[in-house]
Amino acid sequence: MDRAFLEERITATKAAITAYEEAILAIATGGAQVSYKLDTGQTAQWVTKNDLRDLEKALEGLYNRLTILQKRLNQNGLITRPSF
């Protein structure tokens, strides 16, 4: 995998994480009365409080994916030190 591909996947994963976190927060805090439109930029779906457990599992999976992608980027010797 090349650097550009990994960076694109990292960007897409971060966008999905943001969308899932916003949906979970809206539903959990009552910001969404009945349902909330979860739009990741690639897919869109309506979710409700009944979906919270699945949303949280998906969010955990996205964080794991992000970690793996970042490690792949670093392990390929493409980044030698963290940028601040």
PDB file of N, CA and C in Angstrom:
ATOM      1  N   MET A   1       0.847  -1.183   0.000  1.00  0.00           N
ATOM      2  CA  MET A   1       0.000   0.000   0.000  1.00  0.00           C
ATOM      3  C   MET A   1       0.885   1.236   0.000  1.00  0.00           C
ATOM      4  N   ASP A   2       0.456   2.208  -0.745  1.00  0.00           N
ATOM      5  CA  ASP A   2       1.252   3.423  -0.761  1.00  0.00           C
ATOM      6  C   ASP A   2       0.714   4.440   0.241  1.00  0.00           C
ATOM      7  N   ARG A   3       1.510   5.427   0.472  1.00  0.00           N
ATOM      8  CA  ARG A   3       1.206   6.451   1.465  1.00  0.00           C
ATOM      9  C   ARG A   3      -0.132   7.144   1.188  1.00  0.00           C
ATOM     10  N   ALA A   4      -0.367   7.522  -0.066  1.00  0.00           N
ATOM     11  CA  ALA A   4      -1.589   8.246  -0.412  1.00  0.00           C
ATOM     12  C   ALA A   4      -2.835   7.410  -0.099  1.00  0.00           C
ATOM     13  N   PHE A   5      -2.775   6.129  -0.434  1.00  0.00           N
ATOM     14  CA  PHE A   5      -3.914   5.252  -0.156  1.00  0.00           C
ATOM     15  C   PHE A   5      -4.199   5.194   1.341  1.00  0.00           C
ATOM     16  N   LEU A   6      -3.160   4.963   2.136  1.00  0.00           N
ATOM     17  CA  LEU A   6      -3.346   4.881   3.583  1.00  0.00           C
ATOM     18  C   LEU A   6      -3.860   6.195   4.158  1.00  0.00           C
ATOM     19  N   GLU A   7      -3.338   7.301   3.687  1.00  0.00           N
ATOM     20  CA  GLU A   7      -3.799   8.597   4.182  1.00  0.00           C
ATOM     21  C   GLU A   7      -5.262   8.837   3.824  1.00  0.00           C
ATOM     22  N   GLU A   8      -5.681   8.416   2.632  1.00  0.00           N
ATOM     23  CA  GLU A   8      -7.092   8.542   2.239  1.00  0.00           C
ATOM     24  C   GLU A   8      -7.981   7.702   3.146  1.00  0.00           C
ATOM     25  N   ARG A   9      -7.557   6.484   3.446  1.00  0.00           N
ATOM     26  CA  ARG A   9      -8.340   5.608   4.317  1.00  0.00           C
ATOM     27  C   ARG A   9      -8.401   6.167   5.736  1.00  0.00           C
ATOM     28  N   ILE A  10      -7.305   6.743   6.201  1.00  0.00           N
ATOM     29  CA  ILE A  10      -7.286   7.353   7.531  1.00  0.00           C
ATOM     30  C   ILE A  10      -8.255   8.526   7.577  1.00  0.00           C
ATOM     31  N   THR A  11      -8.245   9.358   6.567  1.00  0.00           N
ATOM     32  CA  THR A  11      -9.157  10.510   6.505  1.00  0.00           C
ATOM     33  C   THR A  11     -10.613  10.052   6.487  1.00  0.00           C
ATOM     34  N   ALA A  12     -10.916   9.051   5.676  1.00  0.00           N
ATOM     35  CA  ALA A  12     -12.287   8.530   5.599  1.00  0.00           C
ATOM     36  C   ALA A  12     -12.720   7.914   6.925  1.00  0.00           C
ATOM     37  N   THR A  13     -11.816   7.209   7.576  1.00  0.00           N
ATOM     38  CA  THR A  13     -12.134   6.585   8.864  1.00  0.00           C
ATOM     39  C   THR A  13     -12.382   7.641   9.930  1.00  0.00           C
ATOM     40  N   LYS A  14     -11.585   8.693   9.939  1.00  0.00           N
ATOM     41  CA  LYS A  14     -11.796   9.782  10.901  1.00  0.00           C
ATOM     42  C   LYS A  14     -13.145  10.452  10.675  1.00  0.00           C
ATOM     43  N   ALA A  15     -13.539  10.631   9.422  1.00  0.00           N
ATOM     44  CA  ALA A  15     -14.842  11.226   9.115  1.00  0.00           C
ATOM     45  C   ALA A  15     -15.970  10.327   9.613  1.00  0.00           C
ATOM     46  N   ALA A  16     -15.826   9.031   9.434  1.00  0.00           N
ATOM     47  CA  ALA A  16     -16.843   8.087   9.916  1.00  0.00           C
ATOM     48  C   ALA A  16     -16.912   8.105  11.440  1.00  0.00           C
ATOM     49  N   ILE A  17     -15.763   8.176  12.100  1.00  0.00           N
ATOM     50  CA  ILE A  17     -15.740   8.252  13.574  1.00  0.00           C
ATOM     51  C   ILE A  17     -16.513   9.474  14.041  1.00  0.00           C
ATOM     52  N   THR A  18     -16.262  10.604  13.421  1.00  0.00           N
ATOM     53  CA  THR A  18     -16.970  11.836  13.790  1.00  0.00           C
ATOM     54  C   THR A  18     -18.476  11.672  13.610  1.00  0.00           C
ATOM     55  N   ALA A  19     -18.895  11.103  12.494  1.00  0.00           N
ATOM     56  CA  ALA A  19     -20.323  10.918  12.228  1.00  0.00           C
ATOM     57  C   ALA A  19     -20.961   9.993  13.263  1.00  0.00           C
ATOM     58  N   TYR A  20     -20.287   8.898  13.594  1.00  0.00           N
ATOM     59  CA  TYR A  20     -20.824   7.968  14.589  1.00  0.00           C
ATOM     60  C   TYR A  20     -20.876   8.609  15.972  1.00  0.00           C
ATOM     61  N   GLU A  21     -19.843   9.349  16.340  1.00  0.00           N
ATOM     62  CA  GLU A  21     -19.853  10.008  17.651  1.00  0.00           C
ATOM     63  C   GLU A  21     -20.992  11.020  17.745  1.00  0.00           C
ATOM     64  N   GLU A  22     -21.220  11.777  16.679  1.00  0.00           N
ATOM     65  CA  GLU A  22     -22.315  12.751  16.674  1.00  0.00           C
ATOM     66  C   GLU A  22     -23.670  12.061  16.795  1.00  0.00           C
ATOM     67  N   ALA A  23     -23.847  10.948  16.093  1.00  0.00           N
ATOM     68  CA  ALA A  23     -25.108  10.208  16.168  1.00  0.00           C
ATOM     69  C   ALA A  23     -25.331   9.659  17.567  1.00  0.00           C
ATOM     70  N   ILE A  24     -24.309   9.061  18.137  1.00  0.00           N
ATOM     71  CA  ILE A  24     -24.432   8.495  19.484  1.00  0.00           C
ATOM     72  C   ILE A  24     -24.758   9.583  20.495  1.00  0.00           C
ATOM     73  N   LEU A  25     -24.075  10.699  20.403  1.00  0.00           N
ATOM     74  CA  LEU A  25     -24.327  11.797  21.336  1.00  0.00           C
ATOM     75  C   LEU A  25     -25.741  12.343  21.188  1.00  0.00           C
ATOM     76  N   ALA A  26     -26.184  12.539  19.958  1.00  0.00           N
ATOM     77  CA  ALA A  26     -27.530  13.065  19.728  1.00  0.00           C
ATOM     78  C   ALA A  26     -28.599  12.134  20.276  1.00  0.00           C
ATOM     79  N   ILE A  27     -28.415  10.854  20.050  1.00  0.00           N
ATOM     80  CA  ILE A  27     -29.404   9.887  20.516  1.00  0.00           C
ATOM     81  C   ILE A  27     -29.338   9.714  22.029  1.00  0.00           C
ATOM     82  N   ALA A  28     -28.140   9.604  22.577  1.00  0.00           N
ATOM     83  CA  ALA A  28     -27.976   9.338  24.014  1.00  0.00           C
ATOM     84  C   ALA A  28     -28.411  10.509  24.875  1.00  0.00           C
ATOM     85  N   THR A  29     -28.256  11.723  24.374  1.00  0.00           N
ATOM     86  CA  THR A  29     -28.593  12.896  25.177  1.00  0.00           C
ATOM     87  C   THR A  29     -29.986  13.438  24.890  1.00  0.00           C
ATOM     88  N   GLY A  30     -30.705  12.760  24.009  1.00  0.00           N
ATOM     89  CA  GLY A  30     -32.059  13.209  23.698  1.00  0.00           C
ATOM     90  C   GLY A  30     -32.106  14.280  22.636  1.00  0.00           C
ATOM     91  N   GLY A  31     -30.968  14.600  22.031  1.00  0.00           N
ATOM     92  CA  GLY A  31     -30.954  15.589  20.967  1.00  0.00           C
ATOM     93  C   GLY A  31     -31.745  15.136  19.764  1.00  0.00           C
ATOM     94  N   ALA A  32     -31.868  13.838  19.600  1.00  0.00           N
ATOM     95  CA  ALA A  32     -32.688  13.276  18.527  1.00  0.00           C
ATOM     96  C   ALA A  32     -33.945  12.711  19.179  1.00  0.00           C
ATOM     97  N   GLN A  33     -35.069  13.291  18.862  1.00  0.00           N
ATOM     98  CA  GLN A  33     -36.311  12.885  19.506  1.00  0.00           C
ATOM     99  C   GLN A  33     -36.632  11.412  19.264  1.00  0.00           C
ATOM    100  N   VAL A  34     -36.667  11.011  18.009  1.00  0.00           N
ATOM    101  CA  VAL A  34     -37.033   9.641  17.689  1.00  0.00           C
ATOM    102  C   VAL A  34     -35.932   8.955  16.908  1.00  0.00           C
ATOM    103  N   SER A  35     -35.367   9.652  15.936  1.00  0.00           N
ATOM    104  CA  SER A  35     -34.330   9.058  15.107  1.00  0.00           C
ATOM    105  C   SER A  35     -33.323  10.114  14.689  1.00  0.00           C
ATOM    106  N   TYR A  36     -32.212   9.652  14.184  1.00  0.00           N
ATOM    107  CA  TYR A  36     -31.117  10.533  13.777  1.00  0.00           C
ATOM    108  C   TYR A  36     -30.554   9.999  12.468  1.00  0.00           C
ATOM    109  N   LYS A  37     -30.296  10.901  11.531  1.00  0.00           N
ATOM    110  CA  LYS A  37     -29.725  10.485  10.259  1.00  0.00           C
ATOM    111  C   LYS A  37     -28.204  10.422  10.390  1.00  0.00           C
ATOM    112  N   LEU A  38     -27.680   9.213  10.338  1.00  0.00           N
ATOM    113  CA  LEU A  38     -26.241   8.978  10.407  1.00  0.00           C
ATOM    114  C   LEU A  38     -25.713   8.989   8.981  1.00  0.00           C
ATOM    115  N   ASP A  39     -24.947  10.016   8.647  1.00  0.00           N
ATOM    116  CA  ASP A  39     -24.402  10.163   7.298  1.00  0.00           C
ATOM    117  C   ASP A  39     -22.887  10.213   7.389  1.00  0.00           C
ATOM    118  N   THR A  40     -22.235   9.158   6.916  1.00  0.00           N
ATOM    119  CA  THR A  40     -20.775   9.075   6.996  1.00  0.00           C
ATOM    120  C   THR A  40     -20.097   9.688   5.780  1.00  0.00           C
ATOM    121  N   GLY A  41     -20.883  10.157   4.837  1.00  0.00           N
ATOM    122  CA  GLY A  41     -20.321  10.674   3.604  1.00  0.00           C
ATOM    123  C   GLY A  41     -20.264   9.600   2.536  1.00  0.00           C
ATOM    124  N   GLN A  42     -20.313   8.353   2.958  1.00  0.00           N
ATOM    125  CA  GLN A  42     -20.352   7.224   2.025  1.00  0.00           C
ATOM    126  C   GLN A  42     -21.700   6.521   2.085  1.00  0.00           C
ATOM    127  N   THR A  43     -22.290   6.496   3.254  1.00  0.00           N
ATOM    128  CA  THR A  43     -23.615   5.898   3.436  1.00  0.00           C
ATOM    129  C   THR A  43     -24.428   6.781   4.373  1.00  0.00           C
ATOM    130  N   ALA A  44     -25.735   6.612   4.312  1.00  0.00           N
ATOM    131  CA  ALA A  44     -26.630   7.340   5.213  1.00  0.00           C
ATOM    132  C   ALA A  44     -27.716   6.373   5.671  1.00  0.00           C
ATOM    133  N   GLN A  45     -28.061   6.477   6.955  1.00  0.00           N
ATOM    134  CA  GLN A  45     -29.115   5.628   7.498  1.00  0.00           C
ATOM    135  C   GLN A  45     -29.751   6.325   8.685  1.00  0.00           C
ATOM    136  N   TRP A  46     -30.983   5.981   8.953  1.00  0.00           N
ATOM    137  CA  TRP A  46     -31.670   6.505  10.121  1.00  0.00           C
ATOM    138  C   TRP A  46     -31.438   5.547  11.281  1.00  0.00           C
ATOM    139  N   VAL A  47     -31.079   6.083  12.448  1.00  0.00           N
ATOM    140  CA  VAL A  47     -30.834   5.273  13.636  1.00  0.00           C
ATOM    141  C   VAL A  47     -31.659   5.808  14.799  1.00  0.00           C
ATOM    142  N   THR A  48     -31.920   4.920  15.759  1.00  0.00           N
ATOM    143  CA  THR A  48     -32.708   5.280  16.939  1.00  0.00           C
ATOM    144  C   THR A  48     -31.982   4.821  18.196  1.00  0.00           C
ATOM    145  N   LYS A  49     -32.599   5.079  19.340  1.00  0.00           N
ATOM    146  CA  LYS A  49     -32.009   4.632  20.609  1.00  0.00           C
ATOM    147  C   LYS A  49     -31.811   3.114  20.624  1.00  0.00           C
ATOM    148  N   ASN A  50     -32.653   2.391  19.918  1.00  0.00           N
ATOM    149  CA  ASN A  50     -32.511   0.937  19.843  1.00  0.00           C
ATOM    150  C   ASN A  50     -31.214   0.522  19.165  1.00  0.00           C
ATOM    151  N   ASP A  51     -30.615   1.419  18.404  1.00  0.00           N
ATOM    152  CA  ASP A  51     -29.386   1.127  17.673  1.00  0.00           C
ATOM    153  C   ASP A  51     -28.119   1.509  18.437  1.00  0.00           C
ATOM    154  N   LEU A  52     -28.258   2.069  19.620  1.00  0.00           N
ATOM    155  CA  LEU A  52     -27.087   2.572  20.350  1.00  0.00           C
ATOM    156  C   LEU A  52     -25.995   1.521  20.535  1.00  0.00           C
ATOM    157  N   ARG A  53     -26.355   0.336  20.940  1.00  0.00           N
ATOM    158  CA  ARG A  53     -25.343  -0.712  21.173  1.00  0.00           C
ATOM    159  C   ARG A  53     -24.590  -1.021  19.872  1.00  0.00           C
ATOM    160  N   ASP A  54     -25.310  -1.143  18.764  1.00  0.00           N
ATOM    161  CA  ASP A  54     -24.664  -1.412  17.476  1.00  0.00           C
ATOM    162  C   ASP A  54     -23.786  -0.243  17.039  1.00  0.00           C
ATOM    163  N   LEU A  55     -24.252   0.975  17.289  1.00  0.00           N
ATOM    164  CA  LEU A  55     -23.455   2.150  16.945  1.00  0.00           C
ATOM    165  C   LEU A  55     -22.159   2.194  17.740  1.00  0.00           C
ATOM    166  N   GLU A  56     -22.249   1.885  19.018  1.00  0.00           N
ATOM    167  CA  GLU A  56     -21.057   1.886  19.861  1.00  0.00           C
ATOM    168  C   GLU A  56     -20.066   0.802  19.431  1.00  0.00           C
ATOM    169  N   LYS A  57     -20.569  -0.365  19.038  1.00  0.00           N
ATOM    170  CA  LYS A  57     -19.695  -1.425  18.528  1.00  0.00           C
ATOM    171  C   LYS A  57     -19.025  -0.998  17.227  1.00  0.00           C
ATOM    172  N   ALA A  58     -19.801  -0.377  16.361  1.00  0.00           N
ATOM    173  CA  ALA A  58     -19.245   0.094  15.088  1.00  0.00           C
ATOM    174  C   ALA A  58     -18.186   1.165  15.337  1.00  0.00           C
ATOM    175  N   LEU A  59     -18.438   2.052  16.283  1.00  0.00           N
ATOM    176  CA  LEU A  59     -17.471   3.097  16.614  1.00  0.00           C
ATOM    177  C   LEU A  59     -16.183   2.484  17.142  1.00  0.00           C
ATOM    178  N   GLU A  60     -16.305   1.488  17.986  1.00  0.00           N
ATOM    179  CA  GLU A  60     -15.116   0.797  18.497  1.00  0.00           C
ATOM    180  C   GLU A  60     -14.330   0.169  17.342  1.00  0.00           C
ATOM    181  N   GLY A  61     -15.034  -0.430  16.406  1.00  0.00           N
ATOM    182  CA  GLY A  61     -14.388  -1.012  15.243  1.00  0.00           C
ATOM    183  C   GLY A  61     -13.681   0.037  14.390  1.00  0.00           C
ATOM    184  N   LEU A  62     -14.284   1.211  14.278  1.00  0.00           N
ATOM    185  CA  LEU A  62     -13.655   2.288  13.514  1.00  0.00           C
ATOM    186  C   LEU A  62     -12.371   2.770  14.185  1.00  0.00           C
ATOM    187  N   TYR A  63     -12.403   2.878  15.506  1.00  0.00           N
ATOM    188  CA  TYR A  63     -11.182   3.274  16.222  1.00  0.00           C
ATOM    189  C   TYR A  63     -10.084   2.223  16.048  1.00  0.00           C
ATOM    190  N   ASN A  64     -10.464   0.951  16.080  1.00  0.00           N
ATOM    191  CA  ASN A  64      -9.479  -0.111  15.848  1.00  0.00           C
ATOM    192  C   ASN A  64      -8.916  -0.022  14.437  1.00  0.00           C
ATOM    193  N   ARG A  65      -9.785   0.217  13.474  1.00  0.00           N
ATOM    194  CA  ARG A  65      -9.341   0.363  12.082  1.00  0.00           C
ATOM    195  C   ARG A  65      -8.368   1.526  11.939  1.00  0.00           C
ATOM    196  N   LEU A  66      -8.687   2.645  12.585  1.00  0.00           N
ATOM    197  CA  LEU A  66      -7.819   3.821  12.523  1.00  0.00           C
ATOM    198  C   LEU A  66      -6.440   3.494  13.086  1.00  0.00           C
ATOM    199  N   THR A  67      -6.408   2.805  14.206  1.00  0.00           N
ATOM    200  CA  THR A  67      -5.133   2.412  14.818  1.00  0.00           C
ATOM    201  C   THR A  67      -4.323   1.533  13.875  1.00  0.00           C
ATOM    202  N   ILE A  68      -4.972   0.565  13.265  1.00  0.00           N
ATOM    203  CA  ILE A  68      -4.285  -0.341  12.336  1.00  0.00           C
ATOM    204  C   ILE A  68      -3.740   0.423  11.135  1.00  0.00           C
ATOM    205  N   LEU A  69      -4.559   1.298  10.555  1.00  0.00           N
ATOM    206  CA  LEU A  69      -4.105   2.072   9.396  1.00  0.00           C
ATOM    207  C   LEU A  69      -2.916   2.963   9.746  1.00  0.00           C
ATOM    208  N   GLN A  70      -2.982   3.595  10.916  1.00  0.00           N
ATOM    209  CA  GLN A  70      -1.872   4.460  11.327  1.00  0.00           C
ATOM    210  C   GLN A  70      -0.607   3.649  11.566  1.00  0.00           C
ATOM    211  N   LYS A  71      -0.744   2.461  12.129  1.00  0.00           N
ATOM    212  CA  LYS A  71       0.428   1.606  12.344  1.00  0.00           C
ATOM    213  C   LYS A  71       1.010   1.156  11.015  1.00  0.00           C
ATOM    214  N   ARG A  72       0.155   0.824  10.061  1.00  0.00           N
ATOM    215  CA  ARG A  72       0.650   0.427   8.737  1.00  0.00           C
ATOM    216  C   ARG A  72       1.419   1.568   8.085  1.00  0.00           C
ATOM    217  N   LEU A  73       0.908   2.754   8.232  1.00  0.00           N
ATOM    218  CA  LEU A  73       1.582   3.915   7.663  1.00  0.00           C
ATOM    219  C   LEU A  73       2.958   4.084   8.303  1.00  0.00           C
ATOM    220  N   ASN A  74       3.040   3.924   9.599  1.00  0.00           N
ATOM    221  CA  ASN A  74       4.304   4.066  10.321  1.00  0.00           C
ATOM    222  C   ASN A  74       5.256   2.903  10.065  1.00  0.00           C
ATOM    223  N   GLN A  75       4.753   1.688  10.014  1.00  0.00           N
ATOM    224  CA  GLN A  75       5.593   0.511   9.840  1.00  0.00           C
ATOM    225  C   GLN A  75       6.232   0.448   8.462  1.00  0.00           C
ATOM    226  N   ASN A  76       5.608   1.040   7.495  1.00  0.00           N
ATOM    227  CA  ASN A  76       6.163   1.027   6.149  1.00  0.00           C
ATOM    228  C   ASN A  76       7.329   1.994   6.008  1.00  0.00           C
ATOM    229  N   GLY A  77       7.710   2.608   7.114  1.00  0.00           N
ATOM    230  CA  GLY A  77       8.832   3.524   7.069  1.00  0.00           C
ATOM    231  C   GLY A  77       8.504   4.834   6.392  1.00  0.00           C
ATOM    232  N   LEU A  78       7.205   5.075   6.223  1.00  0.00           N
ATOM    233  CA  LEU A  78       6.804   6.288   5.529  1.00  0.00           C
ATOM    234  C   LEU A  78       6.830   7.498   6.456  1.00  0.00           C
ATOM    235  N   ILE A  79       6.695   7.224   7.732  1.00  0.00           N
ATOM    236  CA  ILE A  79       6.797   8.306   8.720  1.00  0.00           C
ATOM    237  C   ILE A  79       7.829   7.865   9.744  1.00  0.00           C
ATOM    238  N   THR A  80       8.861   8.629   9.921  1.00  0.00           N
ATOM    239  CA  THR A  80       9.927   8.216  10.828  1.00  0.00           C
ATOM    240  C   THR A  80       9.755   8.785  12.216  1.00  0.00           C
ATOM    241  N   ARG A  81       9.003   9.841  12.343  1.00  0.00           N
ATOM    242  CA  ARG A  81       8.746  10.414  13.668  1.00  0.00           C
ATOM    243  C   ARG A  81       7.381  11.087  13.656  1.00  0.00           C
ATOM    244  N   PRO A  82       6.757  11.193  14.789  1.00  0.00           N
ATOM    245  CA  PRO A  82       5.447  11.835  14.829  1.00  0.00           C
ATOM    246  C   PRO A  82       5.567  13.319  14.506  1.00  0.00           C
ATOM    247  N   SER A  83       4.574  13.824  13.814  1.00  0.00           N
ATOM    248  CA  SER A  83       4.563  15.257  13.530  1.00  0.00           C
ATOM    249  C   SER A  83       3.668  15.946  14.552  1.00  0.00           C
ATOM    250  N   PHE A  84       4.106  17.071  14.994  1.00  0.00           N
ATOM    251  CA  PHE A  84       3.348  17.831  16.008  1.00  0.00           C
ATOM    252  C   PHE A  84       2.900  19.156  15.450  1.00  0.00           C
TER     253      PHE A  84
END
